[in-house]
């Protein structure tokens, strides 16, 4: 939210600046500012020129305002993204890296709890079944005297 407020402030300053330029433009036409400020000959004012100048200022203002709004929206979008480490899943916030749970507690003031999503629950159940099956089957060691080994014929006795 901080970005949106500062972005709207920039737009307000921009509008005030262009409004001031328009005010100076019309004030110049009404009282001939160069003649008042530095002296010299009075300049005859043409209202058609003033209207064209106003239109040009308004067109430039509309263009600059639309670009500024797009930039502020883009900045607001980028500030809304959450930086997460691709390896350890820590969150980058205010120049430090913290656990996701700590980020929620500090940055959003939201407590967290843990659960298991349906996909992970299914995988966990499958892994558990495999673990139980592997412990239920007796391991056969070929060197063990109790293991059942098929008898092999003695090749030396038959080759003779």
Protein backbone atom coordinates (compact mmCIF):
# COMPACT_ATOMS: atom_id res chain seq x y z
CA UNK A 1 0.00 0.00 0.00
CA UNK A 2 2.90 2.34 0.61
CA UNK A 3 3.72 2.46 -3.10
CA UNK A 4 0.16 3.28 -4.11
CA UNK A 5 0.03 6.24 -1.72
CA UNK A 6 3.37 7.60 -2.89
CA UNK A 7 2.34 6.97 -6.50
CA UNK A 8 -0.85 8.95 -6.12
CA UNK A 9 1.18 11.72 -4.49
CA UNK A 10 3.43 11.86 -7.56
CA UNK A 11 0.37 12.13 -9.80
CA UNK A 12 -1.04 14.95 -7.66
CA UNK A 13 2.27 16.86 -7.82
CA UNK A 14 2.34 16.35 -11.55
CA UNK A 15 -1.21 17.70 -11.91
CA UNK A 16 -0.39 20.69 -9.72
CA UNK A 17 2.71 21.41 -11.81
CA UNK A 18 0.81 21.35 -15.09
CA UNK A 19 -1.95 23.44 -13.51
CA UNK A 20 0.67 26.00 -12.47
CA UNK A 21 2.04 26.06 -16.04
CA UNK A 22 -1.47 26.70 -17.37
CA UNK A 23 -2.02 29.43 -14.79
CA UNK A 24 1.24 31.13 -15.76
CA UNK A 25 0.34 30.87 -19.43
CA UNK A 26 -3.02 32.58 -18.96
CA UNK A 27 -1.62 35.08 -16.46
CA UNK A 28 0.97 36.03 -19.08
CA UNK A 29 -1.80 36.67 -21.59
CA UNK A 30 -3.84 38.74 -19.13
CA UNK A 31 -1.17 40.97 -17.58
CA UNK A 32 1.84 40.57 -19.93
CA UNK A 33 4.32 39.11 -17.41
CA UNK A 34 7.53 39.86 -19.38
CA UNK A 35 6.56 43.56 -19.52
CA UNK A 36 5.87 43.59 -15.77
CA UNK A 37 8.99 41.67 -14.74
CA UNK A 38 11.73 43.04 -17.00
CA UNK A 39 10.11 46.04 -18.64
CA UNK A 40 10.25 46.80 -22.31
CA UNK A 41 7.48 47.12 -24.81
CA UNK A 42 4.05 45.80 -24.04
CA UNK A 43 3.17 42.75 -26.08
CA UNK A 44 -0.22 42.50 -27.72
CA UNK A 45 -1.94 39.28 -26.68
CA UNK A 46 -3.77 37.07 -29.15
CA UNK A 47 -6.42 34.85 -27.62
CA UNK A 48 -6.13 32.34 -30.44
CA UNK A 49 -2.46 31.81 -29.54
CA UNK A 50 -3.41 31.40 -25.89
CA UNK A 51 -6.01 28.78 -26.73
CA UNK A 52 -3.52 26.84 -28.89
CA UNK A 53 -0.90 27.05 -26.14
CA UNK A 54 -3.44 25.77 -23.60
CA UNK A 55 -4.44 22.88 -25.88
CA UNK A 56 -0.80 21.95 -26.39
CA UNK A 57 -0.12 22.01 -22.63
CA UNK A 58 -3.22 19.89 -21.98
CA UNK A 59 -2.20 17.32 -24.63
CA UNK A 60 1.31 17.05 -23.17
CA UNK A 61 -0.17 16.80 -19.68
CA UNK A 62 -2.54 13.98 -20.73
CA UNK A 63 0.35 12.07 -22.32
CA UNK A 64 2.65 12.49 -19.32
CA UNK A 65 -0.18 11.66 -16.90
CA UNK A 66 -1.01 8.41 -18.74
CA UNK A 67 2.67 7.37 -18.71
CA UNK A 68 3.01 8.21 -15.04
CA UNK A 69 -0.09 6.20 -14.16
CA UNK A 70 1.27 3.19 -16.06
CA UNK A 71 4.62 3.49 -14.29
CA UNK A 72 2.98 3.77 -10.87
CA UNK A 73 0.76 0.75 -11.59
CA UNK A 74 3.81 -1.24 -12.72
CA UNK A 75 5.74 -0.19 -9.61
CA UNK A 76 2.79 -1.16 -7.43
CA UNK A 77 2.65 -4.56 -9.16
CA UNK A 78 6.38 -5.17 -8.74
CA UNK A 79 6.33 -4.14 -5.09
CA UNK A 80 3.50 -6.61 -4.58
CA UNK A 81 5.64 -9.56 -5.63
CA UNK A 82 7.13 -11.70 -2.91
CA UNK A 83 10.82 -12.68 -3.27
CA UNK A 84 11.21 -16.34 -2.34
CA UNK A 85 14.52 -18.22 -2.38
CA UNK A 86 14.37 -20.99 -4.97
CA UNK A 87 16.33 -23.38 -2.73
CA UNK A 88 15.39 -22.85 0.89
CA UNK A 89 12.02 -21.07 0.40
CA UNK A 90 12.96 -18.14 2.68
CA UNK A 91 11.34 -14.79 1.95
CA UNK A 92 13.32 -11.60 1.25
CA UNK A 93 11.78 -8.69 3.17
CA UNK A 94 13.25 -5.37 4.33
CA UNK A 95 16.79 -6.39 3.43
CA UNK A 96 16.80 -9.69 5.32
CA UNK A 97 15.82 -13.27 4.57
CA UNK A 98 13.38 -15.02 6.88
CA UNK A 99 11.20 -18.09 7.05
CA UNK A 100 7.82 -17.79 5.38
CA UNK A 101 6.07 -18.09 8.74
CA UNK A 102 8.18 -15.25 10.18
CA UNK A 103 7.38 -13.10 7.15
CA UNK A 104 3.66 -13.58 7.66
CA UNK A 105 4.01 -12.76 11.34
CA UNK A 106 6.19 -9.67 10.76
CA UNK A 107 5.14 -8.31 7.38
CA UNK A 108 1.45 -9.10 7.37
CA UNK A 109 0.73 -9.59 11.06
CA UNK A 110 -0.90 -12.93 10.26
CA UNK A 111 -0.34 -16.04 12.33
CA UNK A 112 0.31 -19.32 10.57
CA UNK A 113 -0.50 -22.94 11.18
CA UNK A 114 0.59 -26.04 9.37
CA UNK A 115 -1.42 -28.56 7.42
CA UNK A 116 -0.99 -31.00 4.57
CA UNK A 117 -2.42 -30.33 1.15
CA UNK A 118 -4.28 -33.20 -0.62
CA UNK A 119 -1.42 -33.87 -3.07
CA UNK A 120 1.19 -34.11 -0.32
CA UNK A 121 -1.17 -36.22 1.81
CA UNK A 122 -1.55 -38.70 -1.05
CA UNK A 123 2.23 -38.88 -1.54
CA UNK A 124 2.76 -39.27 2.21
CA UNK A 125 0.27 -42.17 2.33
CA UNK A 126 1.98 -43.87 -0.62
CA UNK A 127 5.41 -43.45 0.96
CA UNK A 128 4.10 -44.80 4.28
CA UNK A 129 2.64 -47.88 2.57
CA UNK A 130 5.95 -48.54 0.83
CA UNK A 131 7.79 -48.20 4.13
CA UNK A 132 5.46 -50.67 5.87
CA UNK A 133 5.80 -53.14 2.99
CA UNK A 134 9.58 -52.95 3.08
CA UNK A 135 9.63 -53.67 6.84
CA UNK A 136 7.05 -56.46 6.57
CA UNK A 137 9.04 -58.47 4.02
CA UNK A 138 11.96 -60.43 5.51
CA UNK A 139 15.23 -59.54 3.98
CA UNK A 140 17.03 -62.45 2.43
CA UNK A 141 20.77 -62.48 2.71
CA UNK A 142 22.47 -64.87 0.30
CA UNK A 143 25.30 -65.46 2.79
CA UNK A 144 22.97 -66.27 5.67
CA UNK A 145 22.80 -70.00 6.61
CA UNK A 146 19.03 -69.72 7.04
CA UNK A 147 18.38 -68.32 3.60
CA UNK A 148 16.93 -70.66 1.04
CA UNK A 149 19.27 -71.13 -1.89
CA UNK A 150 18.61 -73.38 -4.80
CA UNK A 151 21.10 -76.17 -5.00
CA UNK A 152 23.60 -75.96 -7.82
CA UNK A 153 25.00 -79.08 -9.39
CA UNK A 154 28.68 -79.75 -8.88
CA UNK A 155 30.19 -79.20 -12.29
CA UNK A 156 33.50 -80.86 -11.34
CA UNK A 157 31.81 -84.17 -10.59
CA UNK A 158 30.13 -84.35 -13.98
CA UNK A 159 33.11 -83.40 -16.12
CA UNK A 160 35.12 -86.34 -16.06
